[in-house]
């Protein structure tokens, strides 16, 4: 039993370190059972004061996916303006809603729930990208979302059509694509953010 738990811990950690934001997807549908699993993972995330203010809309219909795609701004650091071509678009989306933006914990709830979604997706080899540059008024209109619900974000989903590469961050947080169209993502080094027992100044 101890060995099984140890293997599960390793599996969770490996899922975390392998996850990247994906913006190019295979055009292979995701089974509804897997999509429901992602929502269930979000449902079980920690919630401030256990108020559970989040709700979700799952989009898998092809026409609705096309409408959602048109409301999204993609990869803000990449110039000129870039977005996935038609054969690389997401095949499903999750719309993240909250019923109480006055709740001081709601953004923390969103972070925890969306992380559960993208990690569960990663465990199924499904790529994901959390998107906040979205046209909320348009989404509200064609999905008939009541005014009582705030549209926080959209999570794009699909089997991976790319594999971004992690780079040690030097002088910029901006991700970029190389001449082979591989996405490179700068991340701060562990030693630059890690303190033991007291704060240490980086030299």
N, C-alpha and C. Protein backbone atom coordinates (compact mmCIF):
# COMPACT_ATOMS: atom_id res chain seq x y z
N UNK A 1 0.82 -1.21 0.00
CA UNK A 1 0.00 0.00 0.00
C UNK A 1 0.86 1.27 0.00
N UNK A 2 1.93 1.28 0.82
CA UNK A 2 2.83 2.43 0.86
C UNK A 2 3.48 2.66 -0.49
N UNK A 3 3.88 1.56 -1.15
CA UNK A 3 4.52 1.67 -2.47
C UNK A 3 3.54 2.23 -3.50
N UNK A 4 2.28 1.83 -3.43
CA UNK A 4 1.26 2.34 -4.37
C UNK A 4 1.07 3.84 -4.18
N UNK A 5 1.00 4.27 -2.91
CA UNK A 5 0.85 5.70 -2.62
C UNK A 5 2.05 6.49 -3.12
N UNK A 6 3.24 5.90 -2.96
CA UNK A 6 4.46 6.56 -3.42
C UNK A 6 4.43 6.74 -4.94
N UNK A 7 3.98 5.72 -5.65
CA UNK A 7 3.88 5.79 -7.10
C UNK A 7 2.86 6.83 -7.54
N UNK A 8 1.75 6.93 -6.79
CA UNK A 8 0.73 7.93 -7.09
C UNK A 8 1.28 9.33 -6.91
N UNK A 9 2.06 9.56 -5.85
CA UNK A 9 2.67 10.87 -5.61
C UNK A 9 3.61 11.24 -6.74
N UNK A 10 4.41 10.26 -7.19
CA UNK A 10 5.32 10.50 -8.31
C UNK A 10 4.53 10.86 -9.56
N UNK A 11 3.41 10.14 -9.78
CA UNK A 11 2.58 10.38 -10.94
C UNK A 11 1.99 11.79 -10.93
N UNK A 12 1.51 12.24 -9.77
CA UNK A 12 0.96 13.59 -9.66
C UNK A 12 2.03 14.63 -9.97
N UNK A 13 3.22 14.45 -9.38
CA UNK A 13 4.30 15.41 -9.61
C UNK A 13 4.71 15.43 -11.09
N UNK A 14 4.81 14.27 -11.70
CA UNK A 14 5.17 14.20 -13.11
C UNK A 14 4.12 14.89 -13.99
N UNK A 15 2.85 14.75 -13.60
CA UNK A 15 1.78 15.44 -14.33
C UNK A 15 1.95 16.95 -14.23
N UNK A 16 2.28 17.42 -13.03
CA UNK A 16 2.47 18.86 -12.81
C UNK A 16 3.62 19.39 -13.65
N UNK A 17 4.75 18.70 -13.64
CA UNK A 17 5.92 19.25 -14.35
C UNK A 17 5.84 19.06 -15.86
N UNK A 18 4.97 18.18 -16.33
CA UNK A 18 4.85 17.99 -17.78
C UNK A 18 3.81 18.92 -18.40
N UNK A 19 2.94 19.50 -17.58
CA UNK A 19 1.86 20.34 -18.10
C UNK A 19 2.40 21.66 -18.66
N UNK A 20 1.99 21.99 -19.85
CA UNK A 20 2.27 23.29 -20.47
C UNK A 20 0.96 23.81 -21.08
N UNK A 21 0.86 25.11 -21.27
CA UNK A 21 -0.28 25.65 -21.99
C UNK A 21 -0.14 25.30 -23.47
N UNK A 22 -1.19 24.71 -24.02
CA UNK A 22 -1.17 24.22 -25.40
C UNK A 22 -2.09 25.10 -26.24
N UNK A 23 -1.63 25.49 -27.42
CA UNK A 23 -2.42 26.35 -28.30
C UNK A 23 -2.61 25.77 -29.69
N UNK A 24 -2.11 24.56 -29.89
CA UNK A 24 -2.33 23.83 -31.14
C UNK A 24 -2.83 22.44 -30.78
N UNK A 25 -3.93 22.03 -31.41
CA UNK A 25 -4.61 20.80 -31.00
C UNK A 25 -4.89 19.89 -32.18
N UNK A 26 -4.91 18.59 -31.89
CA UNK A 26 -5.37 17.61 -32.87
C UNK A 26 -6.90 17.72 -32.98
N UNK A 27 -7.42 17.35 -34.13
CA UNK A 27 -8.87 17.43 -34.34
C UNK A 27 -9.55 16.11 -34.00
N UNK A 28 -9.23 15.61 -32.84
CA UNK A 28 -9.79 14.35 -32.33
C UNK A 28 -10.74 14.68 -31.18
N UNK A 29 -12.00 14.24 -31.26
CA UNK A 29 -12.94 14.59 -30.19
C UNK A 29 -12.56 13.97 -28.86
N UNK A 30 -12.95 14.64 -27.78
CA UNK A 30 -12.73 14.14 -26.43
C UNK A 30 -14.03 13.49 -25.94
N UNK A 31 -13.93 12.30 -25.41
CA UNK A 31 -15.13 11.60 -24.91
C UNK A 31 -15.79 12.40 -23.79
N UNK A 32 -17.11 12.38 -23.79
CA UNK A 32 -17.87 13.14 -22.79
C UNK A 32 -17.54 12.68 -21.38
N UNK A 33 -17.22 11.40 -21.20
CA UNK A 33 -16.87 10.90 -19.87
C UNK A 33 -15.61 11.58 -19.33
N UNK A 34 -14.66 11.83 -20.23
CA UNK A 34 -13.43 12.50 -19.82
C UNK A 34 -13.71 13.97 -19.49
N UNK A 35 -14.52 14.63 -20.30
CA UNK A 35 -14.86 16.03 -20.06
C UNK A 35 -15.60 16.19 -18.72
N UNK A 36 -16.50 15.27 -18.42
CA UNK A 36 -17.20 15.30 -17.13
C UNK A 36 -16.20 15.10 -15.98
N UNK A 37 -15.20 14.28 -16.21
CA UNK A 37 -14.16 14.05 -15.21
C UNK A 37 -13.42 15.36 -14.89
N UNK A 38 -13.18 16.18 -15.89
CA UNK A 38 -12.51 17.47 -15.68
C UNK A 38 -13.36 18.38 -14.80
N UNK A 39 -14.65 18.42 -15.07
CA UNK A 39 -15.56 19.25 -14.27
C UNK A 39 -15.63 18.72 -12.84
N UNK A 40 -15.65 17.42 -12.69
CA UNK A 40 -15.71 16.84 -11.35
C UNK A 40 -14.45 17.18 -10.56
N UNK A 41 -13.30 17.18 -11.23
CA UNK A 41 -12.06 17.56 -10.57
C UNK A 41 -12.14 19.01 -10.09
N UNK A 42 -12.74 19.88 -10.89
CA UNK A 42 -12.92 21.28 -10.49
C UNK A 42 -13.87 21.38 -9.31
N UNK A 43 -14.94 20.62 -9.35
CA UNK A 43 -15.93 20.64 -8.27
C UNK A 43 -15.32 20.30 -6.92
N UNK A 44 -14.32 19.43 -6.92
CA UNK A 44 -13.72 18.94 -5.68
C UNK A 44 -12.52 19.75 -5.24
N UNK A 45 -12.21 20.83 -5.94
CA UNK A 45 -11.10 21.70 -5.54
C UNK A 45 -11.43 22.41 -4.23
N UNK A 46 -10.40 22.83 -3.47
CA UNK A 46 -10.66 23.63 -2.27
C UNK A 46 -11.44 24.90 -2.63
N UNK A 47 -12.29 25.33 -1.70
CA UNK A 47 -13.10 26.53 -1.92
C UNK A 47 -13.08 27.37 -0.65
N UNK A 48 -12.79 28.67 -0.79
CA UNK A 48 -12.75 29.55 0.37
C UNK A 48 -14.05 29.51 1.16
N UNK A 49 -13.95 29.20 2.46
CA UNK A 49 -15.11 29.05 3.35
C UNK A 49 -16.09 28.01 2.84
N UNK A 50 -15.65 27.18 1.90
CA UNK A 50 -16.48 26.14 1.27
C UNK A 50 -17.77 26.71 0.66
N UNK A 51 -17.69 27.94 0.15
CA UNK A 51 -18.87 28.58 -0.41
C UNK A 51 -19.20 28.10 -1.82
N UNK A 52 -18.21 27.54 -2.52
CA UNK A 52 -18.44 26.88 -3.81
C UNK A 52 -19.23 27.77 -4.78
N UNK A 53 -18.60 28.88 -5.15
CA UNK A 53 -19.29 29.90 -5.96
C UNK A 53 -19.14 29.69 -7.47
N UNK A 54 -18.46 28.63 -7.88
CA UNK A 54 -18.18 28.43 -9.30
C UNK A 54 -19.17 27.49 -9.98
N UNK A 55 -19.42 27.77 -11.25
CA UNK A 55 -20.21 26.90 -12.11
C UNK A 55 -19.49 26.79 -13.45
N UNK A 56 -19.89 25.83 -14.28
CA UNK A 56 -19.15 25.55 -15.50
C UNK A 56 -20.11 25.23 -16.64
N UNK A 57 -19.74 25.67 -17.84
CA UNK A 57 -20.46 25.26 -19.05
C UNK A 57 -19.48 24.51 -19.93
N UNK A 58 -19.85 23.30 -20.30
CA UNK A 58 -19.02 22.47 -21.16
C UNK A 58 -19.48 22.64 -22.61
N UNK A 59 -18.54 22.96 -23.48
CA UNK A 59 -18.84 23.16 -24.90
C UNK A 59 -18.11 22.10 -25.72
N UNK A 60 -18.88 21.27 -26.44
CA UNK A 60 -18.27 20.28 -27.33
C UNK A 60 -18.90 20.31 -28.73
N UNK A 61 -20.03 21.00 -28.86
CA UNK A 61 -20.69 21.14 -30.16
C UNK A 61 -19.78 21.91 -31.12
N UNK A 62 -19.64 21.41 -32.33
CA UNK A 62 -18.68 21.99 -33.27
C UNK A 62 -19.00 23.44 -33.61
N UNK A 63 -20.28 23.75 -33.85
CA UNK A 63 -20.66 25.12 -34.20
C UNK A 63 -20.43 26.07 -33.03
N UNK A 64 -20.74 25.63 -31.82
CA UNK A 64 -20.52 26.47 -30.65
C UNK A 64 -19.02 26.66 -30.39
N UNK A 65 -18.24 25.61 -30.63
CA UNK A 65 -16.78 25.74 -30.49
C UNK A 65 -16.24 26.81 -31.44
N UNK A 66 -16.79 26.86 -32.65
CA UNK A 66 -16.36 27.86 -33.62
C UNK A 66 -16.71 29.27 -33.13
N UNK A 67 -17.88 29.41 -32.52
CA UNK A 67 -18.29 30.72 -31.99
C UNK A 67 -17.40 31.14 -30.82
N UNK A 68 -17.10 30.19 -29.95
CA UNK A 68 -16.22 30.49 -28.82
C UNK A 68 -14.84 30.90 -29.33
N UNK A 69 -14.33 30.18 -30.30
CA UNK A 69 -13.00 30.48 -30.86
C UNK A 69 -12.91 31.94 -31.32
N UNK A 70 -13.98 32.44 -31.92
CA UNK A 70 -13.98 33.80 -32.45
C UNK A 70 -14.00 34.87 -31.35
N UNK A 71 -14.21 34.47 -30.10
CA UNK A 71 -14.24 35.44 -29.00
C UNK A 71 -12.90 35.52 -28.25
N UNK A 72 -11.91 34.73 -28.68
CA UNK A 72 -10.68 34.56 -27.90
C UNK A 72 -9.50 35.31 -28.52
N UNK A 73 -8.73 35.96 -27.66
CA UNK A 73 -7.44 36.51 -28.07
C UNK A 73 -6.35 35.52 -27.67
N UNK A 74 -5.50 35.14 -28.63
CA UNK A 74 -4.53 34.07 -28.42
C UNK A 74 -3.10 34.61 -28.30
N UNK A 75 -2.32 34.03 -27.40
CA UNK A 75 -0.85 34.17 -27.37
C UNK A 75 -0.41 35.63 -27.53
N UNK A 76 -0.73 36.44 -26.52
CA UNK A 76 -0.49 37.88 -26.61
C UNK A 76 0.96 38.29 -26.85
N UNK A 77 1.93 37.46 -26.44
CA UNK A 77 3.33 37.82 -26.62
C UNK A 77 3.83 37.60 -28.05
N UNK A 78 3.12 36.78 -28.82
CA UNK A 78 3.60 36.45 -30.16
C UNK A 78 3.13 37.50 -31.15
N UNK A 79 4.08 38.09 -31.87
CA UNK A 79 3.80 39.12 -32.86
C UNK A 79 4.36 38.69 -34.21
N UNK A 80 3.68 38.97 -35.34
CA UNK A 80 2.36 39.60 -35.41
C UNK A 80 1.27 38.74 -34.78
N UNK A 81 0.08 39.29 -34.66
CA UNK A 81 -1.03 38.60 -34.00
C UNK A 81 -1.18 37.19 -34.55
N UNK A 82 -1.30 36.24 -33.62
CA UNK A 82 -1.32 34.82 -33.99
C UNK A 82 -2.55 34.14 -33.39
N UNK A 83 -3.06 33.15 -34.09
CA UNK A 83 -4.08 32.26 -33.54
C UNK A 83 -3.98 30.92 -34.26
N UNK A 84 -4.51 29.84 -33.65
CA UNK A 84 -4.43 28.53 -34.31
C UNK A 84 -5.18 28.54 -35.64
N UNK A 85 -4.62 27.86 -36.64
CA UNK A 85 -5.34 27.70 -37.89
C UNK A 85 -6.48 26.70 -37.68
N UNK A 86 -7.35 26.60 -38.66
CA UNK A 86 -8.59 25.82 -38.48
C UNK A 86 -8.32 24.38 -38.06
N UNK A 87 -7.31 23.74 -38.64
CA UNK A 87 -7.04 22.33 -38.32
C UNK A 87 -6.27 22.16 -37.02
N UNK A 88 -6.05 23.26 -36.28
CA UNK A 88 -5.35 23.20 -34.99
C UNK A 88 -6.21 23.74 -33.84
N UNK A 89 -7.47 24.02 -34.09
CA UNK A 89 -8.31 24.65 -33.08
C UNK A 89 -8.70 23.69 -31.96
N UNK A 90 -9.05 24.22 -30.79
CA UNK A 90 -9.56 23.36 -29.71
C UNK A 90 -10.83 22.64 -30.15
N UNK A 91 -11.06 21.47 -29.57
CA UNK A 91 -12.26 20.70 -29.90
C UNK A 91 -13.31 20.79 -28.80
N UNK A 92 -12.95 21.33 -27.65
CA UNK A 92 -13.89 21.53 -26.54
C UNK A 92 -13.44 22.73 -25.72
N UNK A 93 -14.37 23.28 -24.97
CA UNK A 93 -14.08 24.38 -24.06
C UNK A 93 -14.84 24.19 -22.76
N UNK A 94 -14.29 24.74 -21.69
CA UNK A 94 -15.02 24.87 -20.43
C UNK A 94 -15.09 26.35 -20.11
N UNK A 95 -16.31 26.85 -19.92
CA UNK A 95 -16.52 28.24 -19.51
C UNK A 95 -16.62 28.24 -17.99
N UNK A 96 -15.79 29.06 -17.34
CA UNK A 96 -15.76 29.12 -15.88
C UNK A 96 -16.56 30.34 -15.42
N UNK A 97 -17.56 30.11 -14.58
CA UNK A 97 -18.47 31.14 -14.10
C UNK A 97 -18.42 31.24 -12.59
N UNK A 98 -18.75 32.43 -12.08
CA UNK A 98 -18.93 32.56 -10.63
C UNK A 98 -20.25 33.26 -10.36
N UNK A 99 -20.92 32.82 -9.31
CA UNK A 99 -22.20 33.44 -8.96
C UNK A 99 -22.06 34.52 -7.89
N UNK A 100 -20.79 34.87 -7.53
CA UNK A 100 -20.59 35.88 -6.48
C UNK A 100 -19.21 36.51 -6.60
N UNK A 101 -19.12 37.59 -7.39
CA UNK A 101 -17.82 38.25 -7.54
C UNK A 101 -17.49 39.12 -6.32
N UNK A 102 -18.45 39.31 -5.44
CA UNK A 102 -18.18 40.05 -4.19
C UNK A 102 -17.50 39.16 -3.15
N UNK A 103 -17.53 37.86 -3.39
CA UNK A 103 -16.85 36.94 -2.49
C UNK A 103 -15.34 37.16 -2.62
N UNK A 104 -14.68 37.49 -1.52
CA UNK A 104 -13.26 37.84 -1.59
C UNK A 104 -12.37 36.66 -1.94
N UNK A 105 -12.91 35.45 -1.89
CA UNK A 105 -12.12 34.27 -2.20
C UNK A 105 -12.31 33.77 -3.63
N UNK A 106 -13.20 34.40 -4.40
CA UNK A 106 -13.61 33.74 -5.64
C UNK A 106 -12.46 33.55 -6.63
N UNK A 107 -11.54 34.52 -6.72
CA UNK A 107 -10.42 34.36 -7.64
C UNK A 107 -9.49 33.23 -7.21
N UNK A 108 -9.36 33.05 -5.90
CA UNK A 108 -8.57 31.91 -5.40
C UNK A 108 -9.27 30.61 -5.78
N UNK A 109 -10.59 30.59 -5.64
CA UNK A 109 -11.36 29.40 -6.03
C UNK A 109 -11.16 29.10 -7.52
N UNK A 110 -11.20 30.14 -8.34
CA UNK A 110 -11.01 29.96 -9.79
C UNK A 110 -9.64 29.34 -10.06
N UNK A 111 -8.60 29.87 -9.41
CA UNK A 111 -7.26 29.33 -9.62
C UNK A 111 -7.14 27.87 -9.25
N UNK A 112 -7.70 27.52 -8.10
CA UNK A 112 -7.62 26.13 -7.64
C UNK A 112 -8.42 25.20 -8.54
N UNK A 113 -9.62 25.63 -8.94
CA UNK A 113 -10.48 24.77 -9.76
C UNK A 113 -9.90 24.60 -11.17
N UNK A 114 -9.41 25.69 -11.75
CA UNK A 114 -8.87 25.57 -13.11
C UNK A 114 -7.58 24.75 -13.13
N UNK A 115 -6.79 24.86 -12.06
CA UNK A 115 -5.60 24.01 -11.98
C UNK A 115 -5.99 22.54 -11.93
N UNK A 116 -7.03 22.22 -11.17
CA UNK A 116 -7.50 20.83 -11.14
C UNK A 116 -7.93 20.37 -12.53
N UNK A 117 -8.58 21.27 -13.28
CA UNK A 117 -9.02 20.91 -14.63
C UNK A 117 -7.82 20.61 -15.53
N UNK A 118 -6.84 21.52 -15.56
CA UNK A 118 -5.74 21.34 -16.51
C UNK A 118 -4.82 20.18 -16.11
N UNK A 119 -4.70 19.91 -14.81
CA UNK A 119 -3.89 18.76 -14.40
C UNK A 119 -4.59 17.45 -14.71
N UNK A 120 -5.90 17.41 -14.51
CA UNK A 120 -6.64 16.19 -14.87
C UNK A 120 -6.59 15.98 -16.38
N UNK A 121 -6.70 17.08 -17.14
CA UNK A 121 -6.56 16.97 -18.59
C UNK A 121 -5.19 16.42 -18.97
N UNK A 122 -4.16 16.95 -18.34
CA UNK A 122 -2.79 16.48 -18.62
C UNK A 122 -2.66 14.99 -18.34
N UNK A 123 -3.29 14.53 -17.27
CA UNK A 123 -3.21 13.10 -16.93
C UNK A 123 -3.88 12.22 -17.99
N UNK A 124 -4.75 12.83 -18.81
CA UNK A 124 -5.41 12.11 -19.91
C UNK A 124 -4.73 12.41 -21.25
N UNK A 125 -3.56 13.08 -21.18
CA UNK A 125 -2.80 13.49 -22.37
C UNK A 125 -3.56 14.50 -23.23
N UNK A 126 -4.42 15.27 -22.57
CA UNK A 126 -5.19 16.32 -23.24
C UNK A 126 -4.54 17.67 -22.95
N UNK A 127 -4.32 18.45 -23.99
CA UNK A 127 -3.76 19.77 -23.83
C UNK A 127 -4.82 20.77 -23.40
N UNK A 128 -4.38 21.83 -22.74
CA UNK A 128 -5.31 22.84 -22.25
C UNK A 128 -4.64 24.21 -22.27
N UNK A 129 -5.48 25.24 -22.28
CA UNK A 129 -4.99 26.61 -22.18
C UNK A 129 -6.07 27.45 -21.50
N UNK A 130 -5.71 28.09 -20.39
CA UNK A 130 -6.64 28.96 -19.66
C UNK A 130 -6.58 30.34 -20.30
N UNK A 131 -7.72 30.86 -20.71
CA UNK A 131 -7.79 32.10 -21.47
C UNK A 131 -8.69 33.12 -20.78
N UNK A 132 -8.15 34.32 -20.59
CA UNK A 132 -8.92 35.40 -19.98
C UNK A 132 -9.16 36.57 -20.94
N UNK A 133 -8.42 36.60 -22.06
CA UNK A 133 -8.63 37.63 -23.07
C UNK A 133 -9.77 37.17 -23.98
N UNK A 134 -11.00 37.38 -23.50
CA UNK A 134 -12.18 36.85 -24.17
C UNK A 134 -13.26 37.94 -24.26
N UNK A 135 -14.14 37.80 -25.23
CA UNK A 135 -15.25 38.75 -25.40
C UNK A 135 -16.46 38.23 -24.61
N UNK A 136 -16.52 38.66 -23.37
CA UNK A 136 -17.52 38.11 -22.44
C UNK A 136 -18.96 38.42 -22.86
N UNK A 137 -19.20 39.61 -23.38
CA UNK A 137 -20.57 39.98 -23.77
C UNK A 137 -21.08 39.08 -24.89
N UNK A 138 -20.20 38.76 -25.84
CA UNK A 138 -20.61 37.87 -26.93
C UNK A 138 -20.89 36.46 -26.42
N UNK A 139 -20.01 35.97 -25.56
CA UNK A 139 -20.20 34.62 -25.00
C UNK A 139 -21.51 34.56 -24.22
N UNK A 140 -21.77 35.58 -23.41
CA UNK A 140 -23.01 35.62 -22.62
C UNK A 140 -24.23 35.53 -23.52
N UNK A 141 -24.18 36.27 -24.63
CA UNK A 141 -25.34 36.34 -25.51
C UNK A 141 -25.65 35.00 -26.17
N UNK A 142 -24.66 34.38 -26.81
CA UNK A 142 -25.01 33.16 -27.55
C UNK A 142 -25.08 31.91 -26.68
N UNK A 143 -24.63 31.99 -25.43
CA UNK A 143 -24.81 30.86 -24.52
C UNK A 143 -25.94 31.10 -23.52
N UNK A 144 -26.63 32.23 -23.64
CA UNK A 144 -27.77 32.56 -22.76
C UNK A 144 -27.38 32.53 -21.29
N UNK A 145 -26.22 33.08 -20.97
CA UNK A 145 -25.76 33.10 -19.58
C UNK A 145 -26.42 34.28 -18.86
N UNK A 146 -27.09 34.04 -17.74
CA UNK A 146 -27.79 35.14 -17.05
C UNK A 146 -26.81 36.16 -16.47
N UNK A 147 -27.29 37.38 -16.30
CA UNK A 147 -26.46 38.46 -15.78
C UNK A 147 -25.98 38.19 -14.36
N UNK A 148 -26.64 37.30 -13.66
CA UNK A 148 -26.26 37.00 -12.28
C UNK A 148 -24.96 36.20 -12.19
N UNK A 149 -24.48 35.70 -13.33
CA UNK A 149 -23.24 34.93 -13.36
C UNK A 149 -22.14 35.72 -14.07
N UNK A 150 -20.98 35.81 -13.45
CA UNK A 150 -19.83 36.47 -14.06
C UNK A 150 -19.02 35.44 -14.84
N UNK A 151 -18.66 35.77 -16.08
CA UNK A 151 -17.82 34.90 -16.90
C UNK A 151 -16.38 35.20 -16.58
N UNK A 152 -15.71 34.27 -15.92
CA UNK A 152 -14.32 34.51 -15.52
C UNK A 152 -13.33 34.19 -16.63
N UNK A 153 -13.43 33.01 -17.20
CA UNK A 153 -12.40 32.55 -18.14
C UNK A 153 -12.93 31.41 -18.99
N UNK A 154 -12.14 31.07 -20.00
CA UNK A 154 -12.43 29.95 -20.89
C UNK A 154 -11.22 29.03 -20.90
N UNK A 155 -11.45 27.74 -20.79
CA UNK A 155 -10.36 26.77 -20.90
C UNK A 155 -10.51 26.02 -22.22
N UNK A 156 -9.52 26.17 -23.09
CA UNK A 156 -9.50 25.46 -24.37
C UNK A 156 -8.92 24.06 -24.16
N UNK A 157 -9.50 23.08 -24.85
CA UNK A 157 -9.11 21.69 -24.65
C UNK A 157 -8.99 20.95 -25.97
N UNK A 158 -8.08 19.99 -26.01
CA UNK A 158 -7.93 19.12 -27.16
C UNK A 158 -6.66 18.29 -27.00
N UNK A 159 -6.60 17.18 -27.71
CA UNK A 159 -5.37 16.39 -27.68
C UNK A 159 -4.24 17.22 -28.29
N UNK A 160 -3.06 17.11 -27.72
CA UNK A 160 -1.96 18.03 -28.02
C UNK A 160 -1.49 17.97 -29.48
N UNK A 161 -1.35 19.16 -30.05
CA UNK A 161 -0.79 19.28 -31.39
C UNK A 161 0.57 19.94 -31.37
N UNK A 162 1.12 20.17 -30.19
CA UNK A 162 2.46 20.75 -30.04
C UNK A 162 3.01 20.36 -28.68
N UNK A 163 4.31 20.56 -28.49
CA UNK A 163 4.95 20.28 -27.22
C UNK A 163 5.90 21.43 -26.89
N UNK A 164 5.41 22.43 -26.15
CA UNK A 164 6.28 23.56 -25.79
C UNK A 164 7.49 23.13 -24.97
N UNK A 165 8.54 23.96 -25.04
CA UNK A 165 9.81 23.69 -24.36
C UNK A 165 10.03 24.74 -23.27
N UNK A 166 10.46 24.28 -22.09
CA UNK A 166 10.76 25.19 -20.98
C UNK A 166 12.19 25.71 -21.11
N UNK A 167 12.37 27.00 -20.87
CA UNK A 167 13.69 27.62 -20.86
C UNK A 167 13.90 28.31 -19.52
N UNK A 168 15.14 28.38 -19.04
CA UNK A 168 15.44 29.20 -17.87
C UNK A 168 15.23 30.67 -18.22
N UNK A 169 14.46 31.37 -17.40
CA UNK A 169 14.18 32.77 -17.66
C UNK A 169 15.44 33.60 -17.47
N UNK A 170 15.71 34.48 -18.41
CA UNK A 170 16.88 35.36 -18.32
C UNK A 170 16.43 36.80 -18.09
N UNK A 171 15.99 37.46 -19.14
CA UNK A 171 15.64 38.87 -18.97
C UNK A 171 14.20 39.18 -19.38
N UNK A 172 13.40 38.15 -19.69
CA UNK A 172 12.03 38.41 -20.13
C UNK A 172 11.14 37.20 -19.81
N UNK A 173 9.87 37.49 -19.52
CA UNK A 173 8.90 36.42 -19.29
C UNK A 173 8.21 36.01 -20.59
N UNK A 174 8.49 36.69 -21.69
CA UNK A 174 7.77 36.47 -22.94
C UNK A 174 8.15 35.15 -23.60
N UNK A 175 7.12 34.34 -23.92
CA UNK A 175 7.35 33.11 -24.67
C UNK A 175 7.52 33.46 -26.15
N UNK A 176 8.12 32.54 -26.91
CA UNK A 176 8.37 32.80 -28.33
C UNK A 176 8.36 31.49 -29.11
N UNK A 177 8.20 31.59 -30.42
CA UNK A 177 8.32 30.44 -31.32
C UNK A 177 9.61 30.56 -32.12
N UNK A 178 10.31 29.43 -32.26
CA UNK A 178 11.54 29.45 -33.05
C UNK A 178 11.22 29.23 -34.52
N UNK A 179 12.27 29.09 -35.33
CA UNK A 179 12.07 28.95 -36.77
C UNK A 179 11.34 27.66 -37.15
N UNK A 180 11.32 26.69 -36.23
CA UNK A 180 10.58 25.44 -36.47
C UNK A 180 9.19 25.48 -35.87
N UNK A 181 8.77 26.66 -35.41
CA UNK A 181 7.45 26.87 -34.83
C UNK A 181 7.26 26.16 -33.48
N UNK A 182 8.37 25.83 -32.81
CA UNK A 182 8.31 25.26 -31.46
C UNK A 182 8.19 26.41 -30.47
N UNK A 183 7.25 26.27 -29.53
CA UNK A 183 7.04 27.31 -28.53
C UNK A 183 8.02 27.14 -27.38
N UNK A 184 8.70 28.22 -27.00
CA UNK A 184 9.65 28.22 -25.88
C UNK A 184 9.07 29.11 -24.78
N UNK A 185 9.06 28.58 -23.55
CA UNK A 185 8.42 29.27 -22.43
C UNK A 185 9.42 29.50 -21.31
N UNK A 186 9.76 30.78 -21.01
CA UNK A 186 10.70 31.05 -19.91
C UNK A 186 10.05 30.82 -18.55
N UNK A 187 10.77 30.18 -17.64
CA UNK A 187 10.32 29.99 -16.26
C UNK A 187 11.46 30.38 -15.32
N UNK A 188 11.12 31.02 -14.22
CA UNK A 188 12.13 31.37 -13.23
C UNK A 188 12.76 30.10 -12.67
N UNK A 189 14.06 30.16 -12.39
CA UNK A 189 14.77 29.00 -11.85
C UNK A 189 14.36 28.77 -10.40
N UNK A 190 14.36 27.51 -9.98
CA UNK A 190 14.00 27.17 -8.61
C UNK A 190 14.86 27.92 -7.61
N UNK A 191 16.16 27.99 -7.86
CA UNK A 191 17.06 28.62 -6.89
C UNK A 191 16.81 30.12 -6.74
N UNK A 192 16.14 30.73 -7.73
CA UNK A 192 15.86 32.16 -7.67
C UNK A 192 14.60 32.50 -6.87
N UNK A 193 13.79 31.49 -6.56
CA UNK A 193 12.54 31.75 -5.84
C UNK A 193 12.45 30.98 -4.52
N UNK A 194 13.50 30.26 -4.18
CA UNK A 194 13.47 29.29 -3.08
C UNK A 194 14.26 29.81 -1.90
N UNK A 195 13.62 29.90 -0.75
CA UNK A 195 14.26 30.38 0.47
C UNK A 195 14.05 29.35 1.58
N UNK A 196 15.07 29.12 2.41
CA UNK A 196 14.97 28.17 3.52
C UNK A 196 15.17 28.92 4.84
N UNK A 197 14.17 28.85 5.68
CA UNK A 197 14.20 29.39 7.04
C UNK A 197 14.19 30.91 7.12
N UNK A 198 14.79 31.59 6.15
CA UNK A 198 14.70 33.04 6.11
C UNK A 198 14.87 33.50 4.67
N UNK A 199 14.44 34.75 4.42
CA UNK A 199 14.56 35.30 3.07
C UNK A 199 16.02 35.58 2.75
N UNK A 200 16.45 35.16 1.57
CA UNK A 200 17.81 35.45 1.15
C UNK A 200 17.76 36.35 -0.07
N UNK A 201 18.66 37.28 -0.15
CA UNK A 201 18.75 38.17 -1.29
C UNK A 201 19.47 37.47 -2.44
N UNK A 202 18.88 37.58 -3.62
CA UNK A 202 19.54 37.02 -4.79
C UNK A 202 20.63 37.97 -5.28
N UNK A 203 21.78 37.41 -5.55
CA UNK A 203 22.92 38.22 -6.01
C UNK A 203 23.14 38.01 -7.51
